[in-house]
Amino acid sequence: MLTERWRLNADVAYLPWTGFKGRDYHLLRDMTTFDEQRGNGGGGVQIEGVLSYSITKNISVGVGGRYWAMWTKKDSDSLCSSSGCVGAPRILAKYSMERWGTFFQASYKFDSKS
């Protein structure tokens, strides 16, 4: 608690292992190869923070932010899955993903009677 009504929460999570499988779809093109990428290993992280204000002892509102990042090892592979790529050599690559966002929240705590 920062003050009687203001509260700051933060969470951090580490991903010790990630798996990825994705396909490159270009559906507006006449010809496409539909390359498939996949990777195992790597890691990731998620960070979240929320600043909330207690309107009453039961009702609070808040605003927060969240960030995710995941990556594969540098020797992940890319495979062609259409007939135009049969016999093509494996292409080694590293894949990564980052996402972030903000959100608003409201919460209500029910009183528990013993």
PDB file of N, CA and C in Angstrom:
ATOM      1  N   MET A   1       0.852  -1.178   0.000  1.00  0.00           N
ATOM      2  CA  MET A   1       0.000   0.000   0.000  1.00  0.00           C
ATOM      3  C   MET A   1       0.900   1.245   0.000  1.00  0.00           C
ATOM      4  N   LEU A   2       0.630   2.144  -0.924  1.00  0.00           N
ATOM      5  CA  LEU A   2       1.362   3.402  -0.957  1.00  0.00           C
ATOM      6  C   LEU A   2       0.816   4.373   0.093  1.00  0.00           C
ATOM      7  N   THR A   3      -0.521   4.445   0.151  1.00  0.00           N
ATOM      8  CA  THR A   3      -1.209   5.219   1.176  1.00  0.00           C
ATOM      9  C   THR A   3      -2.384   4.375   1.641  1.00  0.00           C
ATOM     10  N   GLU A   4      -3.300   4.996   2.370  1.00  0.00           N
ATOM     11  CA  GLU A   4      -4.462   4.242   2.848  1.00  0.00           C
ATOM     12  C   GLU A   4      -5.339   3.751   1.700  1.00  0.00           C
ATOM     13  N   ARG A   5      -5.410   4.510   0.600  1.00  0.00           N
ATOM     14  CA  ARG A   5      -6.289   4.144  -0.520  1.00  0.00           C
ATOM     15  C   ARG A   5      -5.551   3.708  -1.798  1.00  0.00           C
ATOM     16  N   TRP A   6      -4.313   4.099  -1.956  1.00  0.00           N
ATOM     17  CA  TRP A   6      -3.563   3.768  -3.170  1.00  0.00           C
ATOM     18  C   TRP A   6      -2.709   2.521  -2.959  1.00  0.00           C
ATOM     19  N   ARG A   7      -2.713   1.643  -3.972  1.00  0.00           N
ATOM     20  CA  ARG A   7      -1.968   0.388  -3.889  1.00  0.00           C
ATOM     21  C   ARG A   7      -1.225   0.165  -5.211  1.00  0.00           C
ATOM     22  N   LEU A   8      -0.003  -0.303  -5.119  1.00  0.00           N
ATOM     23  CA  LEU A   8       0.793  -0.630  -6.299  1.00  0.00           C
ATOM     24  C   LEU A   8       1.179  -2.108  -6.227  1.00  0.00           C
ATOM     25  N   ASN A   9       0.817  -2.864  -7.262  1.00  0.00           N
ATOM     26  CA  ASN A   9       1.169  -4.286  -7.359  1.00  0.00           C
ATOM     27  C   ASN A   9       2.044  -4.499  -8.577  1.00  0.00           C
ATOM     28  N   ALA A  10       3.004  -5.394  -8.464  1.00  0.00           N
ATOM     29  CA  ALA A  10       3.854  -5.749  -9.604  1.00  0.00           C
ATOM     30  C   ALA A  10       4.142  -7.239  -9.565  1.00  0.00           C
ATOM     31  N   ASP A  11       4.134  -7.858 -10.732  1.00  0.00           N
ATOM     32  CA  ASP A  11       4.451  -9.277 -10.872  1.00  0.00           C
ATOM     33  C   ASP A  11       5.466  -9.443 -11.990  1.00  0.00           C
ATOM     34  N   VAL A  12       6.400 -10.356 -11.794  1.00  0.00           N
ATOM     35  CA  VAL A  12       7.378 -10.706 -12.816  1.00  0.00           C
ATOM     36  C   VAL A  12       7.425 -12.223 -12.895  1.00  0.00           C
ATOM     37  N   ALA A  13       7.362 -12.749 -14.109  1.00  0.00           N
ATOM     38  CA  ALA A  13       7.449 -14.194 -14.309  1.00  0.00           C
ATOM     39  C   ALA A  13       8.489 -14.480 -15.380  1.00  0.00           C
ATOM     40  N   TYR A  14       9.287 -15.518 -15.161  1.00  0.00           N
ATOM     41  CA  TYR A  14      10.300 -15.943 -16.124  1.00  0.00           C
ATOM     42  C   TYR A  14       9.867 -17.281 -16.716  1.00  0.00           C
ATOM     43  N   LEU A  15       9.950 -17.404 -18.027  1.00  0.00           N
ATOM     44  CA  LEU A  15       9.645 -18.669 -18.697  1.00  0.00           C
ATOM     45  C   LEU A  15      10.961 -19.365 -19.011  1.00  0.00           C
ATOM     46  N   PRO A  16      11.263 -20.488 -18.366  1.00  0.00           N
ATOM     47  CA  PRO A  16      12.547 -21.155 -18.607  1.00  0.00           C
ATOM     48  C   PRO A  16      12.598 -21.918 -19.927  1.00  0.00           C
ATOM     49  N   TRP A  17      11.443 -22.175 -20.557  1.00  0.00           N
ATOM     50  CA  TRP A  17      11.404 -22.919 -21.813  1.00  0.00           C
ATOM     51  C   TRP A  17      10.226 -22.431 -22.630  1.00  0.00           C
ATOM     52  N   THR A  18      10.411 -22.275 -23.929  1.00  0.00           N
ATOM     53  CA  THR A  18       9.314 -21.903 -24.819  1.00  0.00           C
ATOM     54  C   THR A  18       9.321 -22.805 -26.040  1.00  0.00           C
ATOM     55  N   GLY A  19       8.153 -22.983 -26.615  1.00  0.00           N
ATOM     56  CA  GLY A  19       7.992 -23.711 -27.869  1.00  0.00           C
ATOM     57  C   GLY A  19       7.200 -22.842 -28.832  1.00  0.00           C
ATOM     58  N   PHE A  20       7.544 -22.896 -30.103  1.00  0.00           N
ATOM     59  CA  PHE A  20       6.906 -22.037 -31.090  1.00  0.00           C
ATOM     60  C   PHE A  20       6.672 -22.813 -32.375  1.00  0.00           C
ATOM     61  N   LYS A  21       5.496 -22.617 -32.976  1.00  0.00           N
ATOM     62  CA  LYS A  21       5.209 -23.144 -34.307  1.00  0.00           C
ATOM     63  C   LYS A  21       4.339 -22.106 -34.999  1.00  0.00           C
ATOM     64  N   GLY A  22       4.783 -21.632 -36.133  1.00  0.00           N
ATOM     65  CA  GLY A  22       4.036 -20.605 -36.844  1.00  0.00           C
ATOM     66  C   GLY A  22       4.080 -20.832 -38.335  1.00  0.00           C
ATOM     67  N   ARG A  23       3.114 -20.250 -39.017  1.00  0.00           N
ATOM     68  CA  ARG A  23       3.034 -20.391 -40.454  1.00  0.00           C
ATOM     69  C   ARG A  23       2.900 -19.024 -41.092  1.00  0.00           C
ATOM     70  N   ASP A  24       3.576 -18.814 -42.174  1.00  0.00           N
ATOM     71  CA  ASP A  24       3.576 -17.544 -42.874  1.00  0.00           C
ATOM     72  C   ASP A  24       2.527 -17.595 -43.986  1.00  0.00           C
ATOM     73  N   TYR A  25       1.328 -17.092 -43.704  1.00  0.00           N
ATOM     74  CA  TYR A  25       0.240 -17.094 -44.685  1.00  0.00           C
ATOM     75  C   TYR A  25       0.179 -15.752 -45.406  1.00  0.00           C
ATOM     76  N   HIS A  26       0.268 -15.785 -46.711  1.00  0.00           N
ATOM     77  CA  HIS A  26       0.089 -14.598 -47.542  1.00  0.00           C
ATOM     78  C   HIS A  26      -1.078 -14.894 -48.472  1.00  0.00           C
ATOM     79  N   LEU A  27      -2.288 -14.813 -47.959  1.00  0.00           N
ATOM     80  CA  LEU A  27      -3.461 -15.253 -48.704  1.00  0.00           C
ATOM     81  C   LEU A  27      -3.859 -14.301 -49.825  1.00  0.00           C
ATOM     82  N   LEU A  28      -3.333 -13.084 -49.869  1.00  0.00           N
ATOM     83  CA  LEU A  28      -3.682 -12.159 -50.942  1.00  0.00           C
ATOM     84  C   LEU A  28      -2.738 -12.273 -52.137  1.00  0.00           C
ATOM     85  N   ARG A  29      -1.756 -13.154 -52.058  1.00  0.00           N
ATOM     86  CA  ARG A  29      -0.846 -13.386 -53.177  1.00  0.00           C
ATOM     87  C   ARG A  29      -1.347 -14.550 -54.021  1.00  0.00           C
ATOM     88  N   ASP A  30      -1.046 -14.497 -55.325  1.00  0.00           N
ATOM     89  CA  ASP A  30      -1.429 -15.614 -56.202  1.00  0.00           C
ATOM     90  C   ASP A  30      -0.655 -16.874 -55.856  1.00  0.00           C
ATOM     91  N   MET A  31       0.644 -16.731 -55.640  1.00  0.00           N
ATOM     92  CA  MET A  31       1.497 -17.872 -55.309  1.00  0.00           C
ATOM     93  C   MET A  31       2.107 -17.644 -53.925  1.00  0.00           C
ATOM     94  N   THR A  32       2.116 -18.658 -53.110  1.00  0.00           N
ATOM     95  CA  THR A  32       2.723 -18.556 -51.780  1.00  0.00           C
ATOM     96  C   THR A  32       3.360 -19.883 -51.407  1.00  0.00           C
ATOM     97  N   THR A  33       4.343 -19.847 -50.537  1.00  0.00           N
ATOM     98  CA  THR A  33       5.036 -21.075 -50.162  1.00  0.00           C
ATOM     99  C   THR A  33       4.587 -21.633 -48.820  1.00  0.00           C
ATOM    100  N   PHE A  34       3.858 -20.874 -48.041  1.00  0.00           N
ATOM    101  CA  PHE A  34       3.387 -21.314 -46.724  1.00  0.00           C
ATOM    102  C   PHE A  34       4.525 -21.865 -45.880  1.00  0.00           C
ATOM    103  N   ASP A  35       5.580 -21.082 -45.725  1.00  0.00           N
ATOM    104  CA  ASP A  35       6.720 -21.508 -44.918  1.00  0.00           C
ATOM    105  C   ASP A  35       6.282 -21.731 -43.479  1.00  0.00           C
ATOM    106  N   GLU A  36       6.752 -22.806 -42.902  1.00  0.00           N
ATOM    107  CA  GLU A  36       6.449 -23.108 -41.506  1.00  0.00           C
ATOM    108  C   GLU A  36       7.709 -22.941 -40.677  1.00  0.00           C
ATOM    109  N   GLN A  37       7.593 -22.176 -39.598  1.00  0.00           N
ATOM    110  CA  GLN A  37       8.719 -21.989 -38.693  1.00  0.00           C
ATOM    111  C   GLN A  37       8.401 -22.675 -37.367  1.00  0.00           C
ATOM    112  N   ARG A  38       9.438 -23.210 -36.723  1.00  0.00           N
ATOM    113  CA  ARG A  38       9.234 -23.804 -35.409  1.00  0.00           C
ATOM    114  C   ARG A  38      10.526 -23.731 -34.619  1.00  0.00           C
ATOM    115  N   GLY A  39      10.390 -23.672 -33.318  1.00  0.00           N
ATOM    116  CA  GLY A  39      11.557 -23.615 -32.467  1.00  0.00           C
ATOM    117  C   GLY A  39      11.230 -24.091 -31.071  1.00  0.00           C
ATOM    118  N   ASN A  40      12.191 -24.667 -30.411  1.00  0.00           N
ATOM    119  CA  ASN A  40      12.063 -25.119 -29.031  1.00  0.00           C
ATOM    120  C   ASN A  40      13.211 -24.549 -28.222  1.00  0.00           C
ATOM    121  N   GLY A  41      13.044 -24.565 -26.920  1.00  0.00           N
ATOM    122  CA  GLY A  41      14.070 -23.991 -26.066  1.00  0.00           C
ATOM    123  C   GLY A  41      13.844 -22.498 -25.939  1.00  0.00           C
ATOM    124  N   GLY A  42      14.870 -21.749 -25.708  1.00  0.00           N
ATOM    125  CA  GLY A  42      14.695 -20.309 -25.537  1.00  0.00           C
ATOM    126  C   GLY A  42      14.121 -19.993 -24.172  1.00  0.00           C
ATOM    127  N   GLY A  43      13.421 -18.889 -24.078  1.00  0.00           N
ATOM    128  CA  GLY A  43      12.847 -18.477 -22.801  1.00  0.00           C
ATOM    129  C   GLY A  43      11.883 -17.334 -22.987  1.00  0.00           C
ATOM    130  N   GLY A  44      11.541 -16.689 -21.902  1.00  0.00           N
ATOM    131  CA  GLY A  44      10.612 -15.574 -21.976  1.00  0.00           C
ATOM    132  C   GLY A  44      10.440 -14.904 -20.633  1.00  0.00           C
ATOM    133  N   VAL A  45       9.686 -13.812 -20.655  1.00  0.00           N
ATOM    134  CA  VAL A  45       9.432 -13.042 -19.449  1.00  0.00           C
ATOM    135  C   VAL A  45       8.062 -12.373 -19.565  1.00  0.00           C
ATOM    136  N   GLN A  46       7.388 -12.206 -18.433  1.00  0.00           N
ATOM    137  CA  GLN A  46       6.148 -11.431 -18.369  1.00  0.00           C
ATOM    138  C   GLN A  46       6.259 -10.502 -17.174  1.00  0.00           C
ATOM    139  N   ILE A  47       5.931  -9.224 -17.391  1.00  0.00           N
ATOM    140  CA  ILE A  47       5.966  -8.216 -16.335  1.00  0.00           C
ATOM    141  C   ILE A  47       4.624  -7.504 -16.318  1.00  0.00           C
ATOM    142  N   GLU A  48       4.068  -7.313 -15.128  1.00  0.00           N
ATOM    143  CA  GLU A  48       2.778  -6.641 -14.996  1.00  0.00           C
ATOM    144  C   GLU A  48       2.809  -5.716 -13.792  1.00  0.00           C
ATOM    145  N   GLY A  49       2.201  -4.550 -13.940  1.00  0.00           N
ATOM    146  CA  GLY A  49       2.080  -3.606 -12.843  1.00  0.00           C
ATOM    147  C   GLY A  49       0.701  -2.990 -12.824  1.00  0.00           C
ATOM    148  N   VAL A  50       0.140  -2.788 -11.635  1.00  0.00           N
ATOM    149  CA  VAL A  50      -1.203  -2.222 -11.486  1.00  0.00           C
ATOM    150  C   VAL A  50      -1.182  -1.179 -10.373  1.00  0.00           C
ATOM    151  N   LEU A  51      -1.721  -0.014 -10.669  1.00  0.00           N
ATOM    152  CA  LEU A  51      -1.933   1.031  -9.673  1.00  0.00           C
ATOM    153  C   LEU A  51      -3.437   1.113  -9.442  1.00  0.00           C
ATOM    154  N   SER A  52      -3.870   0.864  -8.208  1.00  0.00           N
ATOM    155  CA  SER A  52      -5.307   0.855  -7.921  1.00  0.00           C
ATOM    156  C   SER A  52      -5.651   1.807  -6.781  1.00  0.00           C
ATOM    157  N   TYR A  53      -6.907   2.233  -6.798  1.00  0.00           N
ATOM    158  CA  TYR A  53      -7.426   3.177  -5.811  1.00  0.00           C
ATOM    159  C   TYR A  53      -8.671   2.565  -5.172  1.00  0.00           C
ATOM    160  N   SER A  54      -8.713   2.509  -3.839  1.00  0.00           N
ATOM    161  CA  SER A  54      -9.856   1.965  -3.114  1.00  0.00           C
ATOM    162  C   SER A  54     -10.889   3.065  -2.903  1.00  0.00           C
ATOM    163  N   ILE A  55     -12.025   2.914  -3.568  1.00  0.00           N
ATOM    164  CA  ILE A  55     -13.116   3.872  -3.413  1.00  0.00           C
ATOM    165  C   ILE A  55     -13.795   3.665  -2.056  1.00  0.00           C
ATOM    166  N   THR A  56     -14.065   2.407  -1.748  1.00  0.00           N
ATOM    167  CA  THR A  56     -14.571   2.002  -0.428  1.00  0.00           C
ATOM    168  C   THR A  56     -13.715   0.824   0.017  1.00  0.00           C
ATOM    169  N   LYS A  57     -14.049   0.223   1.170  1.00  0.00           N
ATOM    170  CA  LYS A  57     -13.279  -0.950   1.601  1.00  0.00           C
ATOM    171  C   LYS A  57     -13.535  -2.162   0.702  1.00  0.00           C
ATOM    172  N   ASN A  58     -14.606  -2.139  -0.085  1.00  0.00           N
ATOM    173  CA  ASN A  58     -14.940  -3.263  -0.951  1.00  0.00           C
ATOM    174  C   ASN A  58     -14.719  -2.991  -2.441  1.00  0.00           C
ATOM    175  N   ILE A  59     -14.701  -1.742  -2.868  1.00  0.00           N
ATOM    176  CA  ILE A  59     -14.635  -1.411  -4.292  1.00  0.00           C
ATOM    177  C   ILE A  59     -13.330  -0.678  -4.599  1.00  0.00           C
ATOM    178  N   SER A  60     -12.658  -1.134  -5.662  1.00  0.00           N
ATOM    179  CA  SER A  60     -11.450  -0.450  -6.108  1.00  0.00           C
ATOM    180  C   SER A  60     -11.415  -0.413  -7.632  1.00  0.00           C
ATOM    181  N   VAL A  61     -10.706   0.570  -8.165  1.00  0.00           N
ATOM    182  CA  VAL A  61     -10.487   0.700  -9.606  1.00  0.00           C
ATOM    183  C   VAL A  61      -8.990   0.852  -9.822  1.00  0.00           C
ATOM    184  N   GLY A  62      -8.541   0.492 -11.017  1.00  0.00           N
ATOM    185  CA  GLY A  62      -7.113   0.589 -11.265  1.00  0.00           C
ATOM    186  C   GLY A  62      -6.767   0.644 -12.728  1.00  0.00           C
ATOM    187  N   VAL A  63      -5.519   0.969 -12.988  1.00  0.00           N
ATOM    188  CA  VAL A  63      -4.965   0.977 -14.333  1.00  0.00           C
ATOM    189  C   VAL A  63      -3.636   0.229 -14.275  1.00  0.00           C
ATOM    190  N   GLY A  64      -3.343  -0.502 -15.342  1.00  0.00           N
ATOM    191  CA  GLY A  64      -2.115  -1.290 -15.320  1.00  0.00           C
ATOM    192  C   GLY A  64      -1.523  -1.467 -16.693  1.00  0.00           C
ATOM    193  N   GLY A  65      -0.373  -2.082 -16.709  1.00  0.00           N
ATOM    194  CA  GLY A  65       0.321  -2.399 -17.943  1.00  0.00           C
ATOM    195  C   GLY A  65       0.929  -3.780 -17.864  1.00  0.00           C
ATOM    196  N   ARG A  66       1.058  -4.408 -19.033  1.00  0.00           N
ATOM    197  CA  ARG A  66       1.589  -5.770 -19.090  1.00  0.00           C
ATOM    198  C   ARG A  66       2.523  -5.878 -20.292  1.00  0.00           C
ATOM    199  N   TYR A  67       3.629  -6.596 -20.126  1.00  0.00           N
ATOM    200  CA  TYR A  67       4.609  -6.811 -21.193  1.00  0.00           C
ATOM    201  C   TYR A  67       4.977  -8.284 -21.230  1.00  0.00           C
ATOM    202  N   TRP A  68       4.981  -8.868 -22.433  1.00  0.00           N
ATOM    203  CA  TRP A  68       5.399 -10.248 -22.624  1.00  0.00           C
ATOM    204  C   TRP A  68       6.511 -10.273 -23.664  1.00  0.00           C
ATOM    205  N   ALA A  69       7.466 -11.127 -23.483  1.00  0.00           N
ATOM    206  CA  ALA A  69       8.499 -11.370 -24.496  1.00  0.00           C
ATOM    207  C   ALA A  69       8.860 -12.845 -24.448  1.00  0.00           C
ATOM    208  N   MET A  70       8.970 -13.460 -25.622  1.00  0.00           N
ATOM    209  CA  MET A  70       9.384 -14.860 -25.726  1.00  0.00           C
ATOM    210  C   MET A  70      10.336 -14.989 -26.903  1.00  0.00           C
ATOM    211  N   TRP A  71      11.271 -15.925 -26.821  1.00  0.00           N
ATOM    212  CA  TRP A  71      12.237 -16.112 -27.886  1.00  0.00           C
ATOM    213  C   TRP A  71      12.658 -17.566 -27.948  1.00  0.00           C
ATOM    214  N   THR A  72      13.165 -17.957 -29.108  1.00  0.00           N
ATOM    215  CA  THR A  72      13.695 -19.304 -29.287  1.00  0.00           C
ATOM    216  C   THR A  72      15.221 -19.221 -29.382  1.00  0.00           C
ATOM    217  N   LYS A  73      15.837 -20.372 -29.388  1.00  0.00           N
ATOM    218  CA  LYS A  73      17.295 -20.410 -29.548  1.00  0.00           C
ATOM    219  C   LYS A  73      17.664 -20.015 -30.977  1.00  0.00           C
ATOM    220  N   LYS A  74      18.919 -19.685 -31.201  1.00  0.00           N
ATOM    221  CA  LYS A  74      19.363 -19.223 -32.517  1.00  0.00           C
ATOM    222  C   LYS A  74      19.353 -20.329 -33.568  1.00  0.00           C
ATOM    223  N   ASP A  75      19.244 -21.593 -33.156  1.00  0.00           N
ATOM    224  CA  ASP A  75      19.263 -22.672 -34.133  1.00  0.00           C
ATOM    225  C   ASP A  75      17.890 -23.298 -34.357  1.00  0.00           C
ATOM    226  N   SER A  76      16.822 -22.495 -34.222  1.00  0.00           N
ATOM    227  CA  SER A  76      15.490 -22.976 -34.564  1.00  0.00           C
ATOM    228  C   SER A  76      15.424 -23.129 -36.078  1.00  0.00           C
ATOM    229  N   ASP A  77      14.462 -23.928 -36.565  1.00  0.00           N
ATOM    230  CA  ASP A  77      14.453 -24.177 -37.993  1.00  0.00           C
ATOM    231  C   ASP A  77      13.203 -23.655 -38.688  1.00  0.00           C
ATOM    232  N   SER A  78      13.322 -23.460 -39.987  1.00  0.00           N
ATOM    233  CA  SER A  78      12.231 -23.030 -40.849  1.00  0.00           C
ATOM    234  C   SER A  78      12.058 -24.116 -41.904  1.00  0.00           C
ATOM    235  N   LEU A  79      10.860 -24.660 -42.015  1.00  0.00           N
ATOM    236  CA  LEU A  79      10.606 -25.730 -42.967  1.00  0.00           C
ATOM    237  C   LEU A  79       9.585 -25.273 -43.994  1.00  0.00           C
ATOM    238  N   CYS A  80       9.825 -25.563 -45.259  1.00  0.00           N
ATOM    239  CA  CYS A  80       8.829 -25.276 -46.288  1.00  0.00           C
ATOM    240  C   CYS A  80       7.855 -26.435 -46.317  1.00  0.00           C
ATOM    241  N   SER A  81       6.561 -26.139 -46.321  1.00  0.00           N
ATOM    242  CA  SER A  81       5.576 -27.218 -46.273  1.00  0.00           C
ATOM    243  C   SER A  81       4.751 -27.324 -47.541  1.00  0.00           C
ATOM    244  N   SER A  82       4.966 -26.463 -48.531  1.00  0.00           N
ATOM    245  CA  SER A  82       4.233 -26.591 -49.791  1.00  0.00           C
ATOM    246  C   SER A  82       5.050 -27.441 -50.761  1.00  0.00           C
ATOM    247  N   SER A  83       4.434 -27.882 -51.845  1.00  0.00           N
ATOM    248  CA  SER A  83       5.137 -28.748 -52.792  1.00  0.00           C
ATOM    249  C   SER A  83       6.295 -28.037 -53.477  1.00  0.00           C
ATOM    250  N   GLY A  84       6.286 -26.700 -53.506  1.00  0.00           N
ATOM    251  CA  GLY A  84       7.364 -25.955 -54.132  1.00  0.00           C
ATOM    252  C   GLY A  84       8.641 -25.956 -53.316  1.00  0.00           C
ATOM    253  N   CYS A  85       8.625 -26.438 -52.080  1.00  0.00           N
ATOM    254  CA  CYS A  85       9.802 -26.386 -51.210  1.00  0.00           C
ATOM    255  C   CYS A  85      10.362 -27.765 -50.903  1.00  0.00           C
ATOM    256  N   VAL A  86       9.886 -28.805 -51.552  1.00  0.00           N
ATOM    257  CA  VAL A  86      10.359 -30.154 -51.265  1.00  0.00           C
ATOM    258  C   VAL A  86      11.854 -30.231 -51.582  1.00  0.00           C
ATOM    259  N   GLY A  87      12.607 -30.749 -50.663  1.00  0.00           N
ATOM    260  CA  GLY A  87      14.036 -30.891 -50.844  1.00  0.00           C
ATOM    261  C   GLY A  87      14.819 -29.620 -50.546  1.00  0.00           C
ATOM    262  N   ALA A  88      14.153 -28.564 -50.121  1.00  0.00           N
ATOM    263  CA  ALA A  88      14.852 -27.314 -49.798  1.00  0.00           C
ATOM    264  C   ALA A  88      15.656 -27.511 -48.518  1.00  0.00           C
ATOM    265  N   PRO A  89      16.808 -26.852 -48.402  1.00  0.00           N
ATOM    266  CA  PRO A  89      17.614 -27.014 -47.183  1.00  0.00           C
ATOM    267  C   PRO A  89      16.947 -26.348 -45.973  1.00  0.00           C
ATOM    268  N   ARG A  90      17.280 -26.861 -44.796  1.00  0.00           N
ATOM    269  CA  ARG A  90      16.785 -26.238 -43.565  1.00  0.00           C
ATOM    270  C   ARG A  90      17.442 -24.886 -43.395  1.00  0.00           C
ATOM    271  N   ILE A  91      16.666 -23.916 -42.936  1.00  0.00           N
ATOM    272  CA  ILE A  91      17.181 -22.582 -42.677  1.00  0.00           C
ATOM    273  C   ILE A  91      17.126 -22.368 -41.174  1.00  0.00           C
ATOM    274  N   LEU A  92      18.274 -22.160 -40.537  1.00  0.00           N
ATOM    275  CA  LEU A  92      18.310 -21.944 -39.100  1.00  0.00           C
ATOM    276  C   LEU A  92      18.080 -20.473 -38.801  1.00  0.00           C
ATOM    277  N   ALA A  93      17.285 -20.201 -37.775  1.00  0.00           N
ATOM    278  CA  ALA A  93      16.946 -18.817 -37.437  1.00  0.00           C
ATOM    279  C   ALA A  93      16.589 -18.726 -35.962  1.00  0.00           C
ATOM    280  N   LYS A  94      16.473 -17.520 -35.474  1.00  0.00           N
ATOM    281  CA  LYS A  94      16.009 -17.250 -34.113  1.00  0.00           C
ATOM    282  C   LYS A  94      14.717 -16.448 -34.233  1.00  0.00           C
ATOM    283  N   TYR A  95      13.690 -16.830 -33.480  1.00  0.00           N
ATOM    284  CA  TYR A  95      12.399 -16.155 -33.524  1.00  0.00           C
ATOM    285  C   TYR A  95      12.127 -15.499 -32.184  1.00  0.00           C
ATOM    286  N   SER A  96      11.461 -14.361 -32.209  1.00  0.00           N
ATOM    287  CA  SER A  96      11.107 -13.688 -30.963  1.00  0.00           C
ATOM    288  C   SER A  96       9.762 -12.996 -31.116  1.00  0.00           C
ATOM    289  N   MET A  97       9.126 -12.725 -29.989  1.00  0.00           N
ATOM    290  CA  MET A  97       7.818 -12.095 -29.951  1.00  0.00           C
ATOM    291  C   MET A  97       7.775 -11.157 -28.762  1.00  0.00           C
ATOM    292  N   GLU A  98       7.239  -9.964 -28.952  1.00  0.00           N
ATOM    293  CA  GLU A  98       7.027  -9.016 -27.859  1.00  0.00           C
ATOM    294  C   GLU A  98       5.610  -8.471 -27.962  1.00  0.00           C
ATOM    295  N   ARG A  99       4.938  -8.379 -26.841  1.00  0.00           N
ATOM    296  CA  ARG A  99       3.592  -7.807 -26.780  1.00  0.00           C
ATOM    297  C   ARG A  99       3.516  -6.943 -25.536  1.00  0.00           C
ATOM    298  N   TRP A 100       2.771  -5.874 -25.621  1.00  0.00           N
ATOM    299  CA  TRP A 100       2.534  -5.040 -24.452  1.00  0.00           C
ATOM    300  C   TRP A 100       1.132  -4.477 -24.560  1.00  0.00           C
ATOM    301  N   GLY A 101       0.587  -4.088 -23.431  1.00  0.00           N
ATOM    302  CA  GLY A 101      -0.748  -3.506 -23.414  1.00  0.00           C
ATOM    303  C   GLY A 101      -1.040  -2.843 -22.084  1.00  0.00           C
ATOM    304  N   THR A 102      -2.066  -2.034 -22.106  1.00  0.00           N
ATOM    305  CA  THR A 102      -2.554  -1.393 -20.891  1.00  0.00           C
ATOM    306  C   THR A 102      -3.979  -1.857 -20.646  1.00  0.00           C
ATOM    307  N   PHE A 103      -4.436  -1.736 -19.422  1.00  0.00           N
ATOM    308  CA  PHE A 103      -5.789  -2.161 -19.102  1.00  0.00           C
ATOM    309  C   PHE A 103      -6.324  -1.365 -17.925  1.00  0.00           C
ATOM    310  N   PHE A 104      -7.637  -1.344 -17.819  1.00  0.00           N
ATOM    311  CA  PHE A 104      -8.347  -0.772 -16.683  1.00  0.00           C
ATOM    312  C   PHE A 104      -9.062  -1.910 -15.984  1.00  0.00           C
ATOM    313  N   GLN A 105      -9.202  -1.815 -14.677  1.00  0.00           N
ATOM    314  CA  GLN A 105      -9.904  -2.871 -13.955  1.00  0.00           C
ATOM    315  C   GLN A 105     -10.715  -2.282 -12.812  1.00  0.00           C
ATOM    316  N   ALA A 106     -11.702  -3.018 -12.430  1.00  0.00           N
ATOM    317  CA  ALA A 106     -12.521  -2.692 -11.262  1.00  0.00           C
ATOM    318  C   ALA A 106     -12.717  -3.977 -10.479  1.00  0.00           C
ATOM    319  N   SER A 107     -12.734  -3.891  -9.170  1.00  0.00           N
ATOM    320  CA  SER A 107     -12.935  -5.096  -8.371  1.00  0.00           C
ATOM    321  C   SER A 107     -13.871  -4.816  -7.205  1.00  0.00           C
ATOM    322  N   TYR A 108     -14.551  -5.863  -6.804  1.00  0.00           N
ATOM    323  CA  TYR A 108     -15.448  -5.809  -5.654  1.00  0.00           C
ATOM    324  C   TYR A 108     -15.112  -6.976  -4.769  1.00  0.00           C
ATOM    325  N   LYS A 109     -14.912  -6.728  -3.474  1.00  0.00           N
ATOM    326  CA  LYS A 109     -14.624  -7.785  -2.503  1.00  0.00           C
ATOM    327  C   LYS A 109     -15.881  -8.044  -1.695  1.00  0.00           C
ATOM    328  N   PHE A 110     -16.291  -9.297  -1.663  1.00  0.00           N
ATOM    329  CA  PHE A 110     -17.443  -9.706  -0.864  1.00  0.00           C
ATOM    330  C   PHE A 110     -17.006  -9.853   0.588  1.00  0.00           C
ATOM    331  N   ASP A 111     -17.846  -9.419   1.503  1.00  0.00           N
ATOM    332  CA  ASP A 111     -17.565  -9.605   2.927  1.00  0.00           C
ATOM    333  C   ASP A 111     -17.842 -11.062   3.271  1.00  0.00           C
ATOM    334  N   SER A 112     -16.895 -11.715   3.933  1.00  0.00           N
ATOM    335  CA  SER A 112     -17.115 -13.104   4.368  1.00  0.00           C
ATOM    336  C   SER A 112     -17.529 -13.078   5.828  1.00  0.00           C
ATOM    337  N   LYS A 113     -18.633 -13.702   6.093  1.00  0.00           N
ATOM    338  CA  LYS A 113     -19.144 -13.769   7.475  1.00  0.00           C
ATOM    339  C   LYS A 113     -18.827 -15.135   8.038  1.00  0.00           C
ATOM    340  N   SER A 114     -18.219 -15.159   9.191  1.00  0.00           N
ATOM    341  CA  SER A 114     -17.842 -16.429   9.816  1.00  0.00           C
ATOM    342  C   SER A 114     -18.930 -16.938  10.702  1.00  0.00           C
TER     343      SER A 114
END
